[in-house]
Amino acid sequence: MSRIGKLPVAIGNAKVAISGREVSVQSGSNTLKFTHSPRVEVKVDEAAKQIIITRKSDDKISRALHGTTRAVLANMVEGVTKGYAKELEINGVGWTAQVQGNKITLNVGYADPRVVMIPAGVKVEVQQNKIKISGPDKQAVGQTAAVIRSHRKPEPYNGKGIKYIDEVIIRKSGKAFASGGA
């Protein structure tokens, strides 16, 4: 049995509704939906306030989907109750970011500004050289951060680029010039 899949997911104060294969998790104004595979079965134990995931067969794909379904549902419950956030830092002289509606405009050393669309349900805030991305959907928050970072990845020589706050960029010394003629 899957070590991850057999663990029940604690619901807490979230509301879980199952309609066929679609699982809906709601807490406050946040709602996430997920359609699971027909190879697994999802049940809600209201008394214990848990989601229980079981697989219908023991083949390789069912075993893989068992743990994956449990992890996705656990992320949904955590997302609607606590939320997820990623922080990026812009390093570069004159490099800026601005949020305009559902777009973020990046001026990161190119001739033209880079525009990234912000998906629904994701909130982006910019303060000086820091970008904070938050929302209930873990995948959408991480993907948005990765797309923003991909427009100017950090480079190890000058330290310029867009990096995660907790990311460590190992600096390189560059080309060493010879002190004497050879």
C-alpha atoms as a PDB file:
ATOM      1  CA  MET A   1       0.000   0.000   0.000  1.00  0.00           C
ATOM      2  CA  SER A   2       1.199   3.524  -0.693  1.00  0.00           C
ATOM      3  CA  ARG A   3       2.749   5.120   2.372  1.00  0.00           C
ATOM      4  CA  ILE A   4       1.433   8.529   1.366  1.00  0.00           C
ATOM      5  CA  GLY A   5      -1.903   7.337  -0.037  1.00  0.00           C
ATOM      6  CA  LYS A   6      -2.961   5.410   3.053  1.00  0.00           C
ATOM      7  CA  LEU A   7      -2.679   8.478   5.299  1.00  0.00           C
ATOM      8  CA  PRO A   8      -6.025  10.233   5.735  1.00  0.00           C
ATOM      9  CA  VAL A   9      -6.231  13.962   4.979  1.00  0.00           C
ATOM     10  CA  ALA A  10      -7.387  16.048   7.941  1.00  0.00           C
ATOM     11  CA  ILE A  11     -10.111  18.455   6.819  1.00  0.00           C
ATOM     12  CA  GLY A  12     -10.043  20.914   9.735  1.00  0.00           C
ATOM     13  CA  ASN A  13     -12.599  23.685   9.176  1.00  0.00           C
ATOM     14  CA  ALA A  14     -12.807  23.201   5.385  1.00  0.00           C
ATOM     15  CA  LYS A  15     -15.956  21.894   3.705  1.00  0.00           C
ATOM     16  CA  VAL A  16     -15.495  18.938   1.338  1.00  0.00           C
ATOM     17  CA  ALA A  17     -18.160  17.885  -1.166  1.00  0.00           C
ATOM     18  CA  ILE A  18     -17.907  14.886  -3.489  1.00  0.00           C
ATOM     19  CA  SER A  19     -20.027  14.687  -6.632  1.00  0.00           C
ATOM     20  CA  GLY A  20     -19.145  11.629  -8.685  1.00  0.00           C
ATOM     21  CA  ARG A  21     -15.393  11.935  -9.338  1.00  0.00           C
ATOM     22  CA  GLU A  22     -15.223  15.680  -8.627  1.00  0.00           C
ATOM     23  CA  VAL A  23     -14.015  16.744  -5.185  1.00  0.00           C
ATOM     24  CA  SER A  24     -14.717  20.322  -4.097  1.00  0.00           C
ATOM     25  CA  VAL A  25     -12.914  21.859  -1.102  1.00  0.00           C
ATOM     26  CA  GLN A  26     -14.130  25.184   0.301  1.00  0.00           C
ATOM     27  CA  SER A  27     -13.150  27.421   3.197  1.00  0.00           C
ATOM     28  CA  GLY A  28     -14.305  31.026   3.359  1.00  0.00           C
ATOM     29  CA  SER A  29     -14.268  32.509  -0.139  1.00  0.00           C
ATOM     30  CA  ASN A  30     -11.664  30.041  -1.451  1.00  0.00           C
ATOM     31  CA  THR A  31     -12.905  27.052  -3.462  1.00  0.00           C
ATOM     32  CA  LEU A  32     -10.835  24.460  -5.318  1.00  0.00           C
ATOM     33  CA  LYS A  33     -12.070  21.552  -7.440  1.00  0.00           C
ATOM     34  CA  PHE A  34     -10.307  18.375  -8.545  1.00  0.00           C
ATOM     35  CA  THR A  35     -11.476  15.456 -10.669  1.00  0.00           C
ATOM     36  CA  HIS A  36      -9.750  12.280  -9.535  1.00  0.00           C
ATOM     37  CA  SER A  37      -9.002   9.157 -11.553  1.00  0.00           C
ATOM     38  CA  PRO A  38     -11.549   6.339 -11.706  1.00  0.00           C
ATOM     39  CA  ARG A  39      -8.777   4.035 -10.408  1.00  0.00           C
ATOM     40  CA  VAL A  40      -9.055   5.535  -6.909  1.00  0.00           C
ATOM     41  CA  GLU A  41     -11.992   6.111  -4.595  1.00  0.00           C
ATOM     42  CA  VAL A  42     -12.384   9.179  -2.378  1.00  0.00           C
ATOM     43  CA  LYS A  43     -14.642   9.236   0.688  1.00  0.00           C
ATOM     44  CA  VAL A  44     -15.256  11.810   3.410  1.00  0.00           C
ATOM     45  CA  ASP A  45     -15.477  10.649   7.032  1.00  0.00           C
ATOM     46  CA  GLU A  46     -17.502  13.484   8.607  1.00  0.00           C
ATOM     47  CA  ALA A  47     -17.172  12.090  12.148  1.00  0.00           C
ATOM     48  CA  ALA A  48     -13.369  11.995  12.049  1.00  0.00           C
ATOM     49  CA  LYS A  49     -13.161  15.082   9.749  1.00  0.00           C
ATOM     50  CA  GLN A  50     -10.952  13.232   7.270  1.00  0.00           C
ATOM     51  CA  ILE A  51     -10.729  12.418   3.583  1.00  0.00           C
ATOM     52  CA  ILE A  52      -9.907   8.761   2.930  1.00  0.00           C
ATOM     53  CA  ILE A  53      -8.436   7.675  -0.395  1.00  0.00           C
ATOM     54  CA  THR A  54      -8.406   4.001  -1.469  1.00  0.00           C
ATOM     55  CA  ARG A  55      -7.360   2.400  -4.727  1.00  0.00           C
ATOM     56  CA  LYS A  56      -9.521  -0.096  -6.581  1.00  0.00           C
ATOM     57  CA  SER A  57      -6.719  -2.351  -7.869  1.00  0.00           C
ATOM     58  CA  ASP A  58      -3.049  -2.970  -7.175  1.00  0.00           C
ATOM     59  CA  ASP A  59      -1.547  -2.295 -10.605  1.00  0.00           C
ATOM     60  CA  LYS A  60       1.328   0.154 -11.057  1.00  0.00           C
ATOM     61  CA  ILE A  61      -0.733   3.100 -12.334  1.00  0.00           C
ATOM     62  CA  SER A  62      -3.295   2.753  -9.526  1.00  0.00           C
ATOM     63  CA  ARG A  63      -0.523   2.702  -6.921  1.00  0.00           C
ATOM     64  CA  ALA A  64       0.963   5.877  -8.404  1.00  0.00           C
ATOM     65  CA  LEU A  65      -2.402   7.663  -8.598  1.00  0.00           C
ATOM     66  CA  HIS A  66      -3.225   6.656  -5.010  1.00  0.00           C
ATOM     67  CA  GLY A  67      -0.430   8.748  -3.512  1.00  0.00           C
ATOM     68  CA  THR A  68      -0.798  11.539  -6.049  1.00  0.00           C
ATOM     69  CA  THR A  69      -4.525  11.944  -5.385  1.00  0.00           C
ATOM     70  CA  ARG A  70      -3.922  12.078  -1.635  1.00  0.00           C
ATOM     71  CA  ALA A  71      -1.166  14.702  -2.039  1.00  0.00           C
ATOM     72  CA  VAL A  72      -3.318  16.869  -4.330  1.00  0.00           C
ATOM     73  CA  LEU A  73      -6.261  16.741  -1.905  1.00  0.00           C
ATOM     74  CA  ALA A  74      -3.988  17.582   1.053  1.00  0.00           C
ATOM     75  CA  ASN A  75      -2.616  20.572  -0.887  1.00  0.00           C
ATOM     76  CA  MET A  76      -6.170  21.700  -1.691  1.00  0.00           C
ATOM     77  CA  VAL A  77      -7.220  21.581   1.978  1.00  0.00           C
ATOM     78  CA  GLU A  78      -4.105  23.485   3.061  1.00  0.00           C
ATOM     79  CA  GLY A  79      -4.515  25.964   0.205  1.00  0.00           C
ATOM     80  CA  VAL A  80      -8.096  26.964   1.005  1.00  0.00           C
ATOM     81  CA  THR A  81      -7.410  27.223   4.752  1.00  0.00           C
ATOM     82  CA  LYS A  82      -3.898  28.762   4.917  1.00  0.00           C
ATOM     83  CA  GLY A  83      -2.964  29.563   1.328  1.00  0.00           C
ATOM     84  CA  TYR A  84       0.382  29.395  -0.455  1.00  0.00           C
ATOM     85  CA  ALA A  85       2.900  32.136  -1.161  1.00  0.00           C
ATOM     86  CA  LYS A  86       6.156  32.543  -3.076  1.00  0.00           C
ATOM     87  CA  GLU A  87       8.421  35.563  -2.926  1.00  0.00           C
ATOM     88  CA  LEU A  88      10.767  36.692  -5.675  1.00  0.00           C
ATOM     89  CA  GLU A  89      13.504  39.304  -5.545  1.00  0.00           C
ATOM     90  CA  ILE A  90      14.638  41.424  -8.505  1.00  0.00           C
ATOM     91  CA  ASN A  91      18.373  42.201  -8.518  1.00  0.00           C
ATOM     92  CA  GLY A  92      19.580  44.681 -11.145  1.00  0.00           C
ATOM     93  CA  VAL A  93      20.117  48.412 -11.500  1.00  0.00           C
ATOM     94  CA  GLY A  94      16.889  50.079 -12.659  1.00  0.00           C
ATOM     95  CA  TRP A  95      14.994  46.800 -12.903  1.00  0.00           C
ATOM     96  CA  THR A  96      11.368  47.089 -11.832  1.00  0.00           C
ATOM     97  CA  ALA A  97       8.041  45.299 -11.813  1.00  0.00           C
ATOM     98  CA  GLN A  98       4.519  46.764 -11.894  1.00  0.00           C
ATOM     99  CA  VAL A  99       1.124  45.118 -11.503  1.00  0.00           C
ATOM    100  CA  GLN A 100      -1.569  46.470 -13.854  1.00  0.00           C
ATOM    101  CA  GLY A 101      -4.880  44.655 -13.507  1.00  0.00           C
ATOM    102  CA  ASN A 102      -4.304  40.987 -14.316  1.00  0.00           C
ATOM    103  CA  LYS A 103      -0.808  41.573 -15.772  1.00  0.00           C
ATOM    104  CA  ILE A 104       2.630  42.132 -14.310  1.00  0.00           C
ATOM    105  CA  THR A 105       5.071  44.181 -16.377  1.00  0.00           C
ATOM    106  CA  LEU A 106       8.767  43.401 -15.889  1.00  0.00           C
ATOM    107  CA  ASN A 107      11.487  45.857 -16.885  1.00  0.00           C
ATOM    108  CA  VAL A 108      14.518  43.624 -16.467  1.00  0.00           C
ATOM    109  CA  GLY A 109      17.194  44.889 -18.833  1.00  0.00           C
ATOM    110  CA  TYR A 110      15.608  44.093 -22.185  1.00  0.00           C
ATOM    111  CA  ALA A 111      14.747  46.695 -24.831  1.00  0.00           C
ATOM    112  CA  ASP A 112      11.043  46.055 -24.292  1.00  0.00           C
ATOM    113  CA  PRO A 113       9.141  45.276 -21.084  1.00  0.00           C
ATOM    114  CA  ARG A 114       8.067  41.677 -20.478  1.00  0.00           C
ATOM    115  CA  VAL A 115       4.357  41.169 -19.710  1.00  0.00           C
ATOM    116  CA  VAL A 116       3.166  38.135 -17.738  1.00  0.00           C
ATOM    117  CA  MET A 117      -0.538  37.336 -17.368  1.00  0.00           C
ATOM    118  CA  ILE A 118      -1.665  36.588 -13.815  1.00  0.00           C
ATOM    119  CA  PRO A 119      -4.026  33.568 -13.658  1.00  0.00           C
ATOM    120  CA  ALA A 120      -7.383  33.789 -11.901  1.00  0.00           C
ATOM    121  CA  GLY A 121      -7.175  33.117  -8.175  1.00  0.00           C
ATOM    122  CA  VAL A 122      -3.544  34.255  -7.896  1.00  0.00           C
ATOM    123  CA  LYS A 123      -2.693  37.554  -6.203  1.00  0.00           C
ATOM    124  CA  VAL A 124       0.542  39.381  -7.050  1.00  0.00           C
ATOM    125  CA  GLU A 125       1.950  42.283  -5.028  1.00  0.00           C
ATOM    126  CA  VAL A 126       5.068  44.316  -5.821  1.00  0.00           C
ATOM    127  CA  GLN A 127       7.007  46.279  -3.200  1.00  0.00           C
ATOM    128  CA  GLN A 128      10.229  47.910  -4.401  1.00  0.00           C
ATOM    129  CA  ASN A 129      12.306  44.968  -5.677  1.00  0.00           C
ATOM    130  CA  LYS A 130      10.201  42.160  -4.158  1.00  0.00           C
ATOM    131  CA  ILE A 131       7.309  40.302  -5.809  1.00  0.00           C
ATOM    132  CA  LYS A 132       4.905  38.334  -3.599  1.00  0.00           C
ATOM    133  CA  ILE A 133       2.693  35.742  -5.285  1.00  0.00           C
ATOM    134  CA  SER A 134      -0.094  34.177  -3.199  1.00  0.00           C
ATOM    135  CA  GLY A 135      -3.243  32.132  -3.615  1.00  0.00           C
ATOM    136  CA  PRO A 136      -5.018  28.932  -2.590  1.00  0.00           C
ATOM    137  CA  ASP A 137      -3.845  26.799  -5.555  1.00  0.00           C
ATOM    138  CA  LYS A 138      -0.286  25.538  -4.942  1.00  0.00           C
ATOM    139  CA  GLN A 139       0.294  24.636  -8.587  1.00  0.00           C
ATOM    140  CA  ALA A 140      -0.892  28.013  -9.927  1.00  0.00           C
ATOM    141  CA  VAL A 141       1.210  29.974  -7.401  1.00  0.00           C
ATOM    142  CA  GLY A 142       4.350  27.956  -8.179  1.00  0.00           C
ATOM    143  CA  GLN A 143       3.803  28.108 -11.940  1.00  0.00           C
ATOM    144  CA  THR A 144       3.270  31.885 -11.893  1.00  0.00           C
ATOM    145  CA  ALA A 145       6.466  32.363  -9.869  1.00  0.00           C
ATOM    146  CA  ALA A 146       8.404  30.122 -12.258  1.00  0.00           C
ATOM    147  CA  VAL A 147       7.135  32.000 -15.332  1.00  0.00           C
ATOM    148  CA  ILE A 148       8.092  35.373 -13.823  1.00  0.00           C
ATOM    149  CA  ARG A 149      11.526  34.044 -12.827  1.00  0.00           C
ATOM    150  CA  SER A 150      12.104  32.565 -16.301  1.00  0.00           C
ATOM    151  CA  HIS A 151      12.162  36.025 -17.903  1.00  0.00           C
ATOM    152  CA  ARG A 152      15.529  36.777 -16.288  1.00  0.00           C
ATOM    153  CA  LYS A 153      17.045  33.894 -14.336  1.00  0.00           C
ATOM    154  CA  PRO A 154      19.767  34.840 -11.845  1.00  0.00           C
ATOM    155  CA  GLU A 155      23.289  34.642 -13.195  1.00  0.00           C
ATOM    156  CA  PRO A 156      26.326  33.829 -11.045  1.00  0.00           C
ATOM    157  CA  TYR A 157      28.791  36.504 -12.243  1.00  0.00           C
ATOM    158  CA  ASN A 158      27.091  39.840 -11.497  1.00  0.00           C
ATOM    159  CA  GLY A 159      24.235  38.522  -9.337  1.00  0.00           C
ATOM    160  CA  LYS A 160      21.587  40.055 -11.580  1.00  0.00           C
ATOM    161  CA  GLY A 161      18.271  38.385 -12.212  1.00  0.00           C
ATOM    162  CA  ILE A 162      14.974  37.375 -10.612  1.00  0.00           C
ATOM    163  CA  LYS A 163      15.446  34.847  -7.819  1.00  0.00           C
ATOM    164  CA  TYR A 164      13.384  33.268  -5.068  1.00  0.00           C
ATOM    165  CA  ILE A 165      13.898  34.952  -1.681  1.00  0.00           C
ATOM    166  CA  ASP A 166      15.377  31.803  -0.120  1.00  0.00           C
ATOM    167  CA  GLU A 167      17.414  30.833  -3.211  1.00  0.00           C
ATOM    168  CA  VAL A 168      21.192  30.954  -2.841  1.00  0.00           C
ATOM    169  CA  ILE A 169      23.137  31.943  -5.947  1.00  0.00           C
ATOM    170  CA  ILE A 170      26.733  30.745  -5.785  1.00  0.00           C
ATOM    171  CA  ARG A 171      28.828  33.574  -7.155  1.00  0.00           C
ATOM    172  CA  LYS A 172      31.669  32.953  -9.612  1.00  0.00           C
ATOM    173  CA  SER A 173      34.769  35.106  -9.827  1.00  0.00           C
ATOM    174  CA  GLY A 174      34.814  35.549 -13.593  1.00  0.00           C
ATOM    175  CA  LYS A 175      37.884  35.608 -15.783  1.00  0.00           C
ATOM    176  CA  ALA A 176      41.148  36.132 -13.910  1.00  0.00           C
ATOM    177  CA  PHE A 177      43.604  38.307 -15.797  1.00  0.00           C
ATOM    178  CA  ALA A 178      47.280  37.321 -15.859  1.00  0.00           C
ATOM    179  CA  SER A 179      49.546  39.585 -13.866  1.00  0.00           C
ATOM    180  CA  GLY A 180      52.636  39.027 -16.010  1.00  0.00           C
ATOM    181  CA  GLY A 181      53.204  38.640 -19.724  1.00  0.00           C
ATOM    182  CA  ALA A 182      53.740  35.135 -20.984  1.00  0.00           C
END
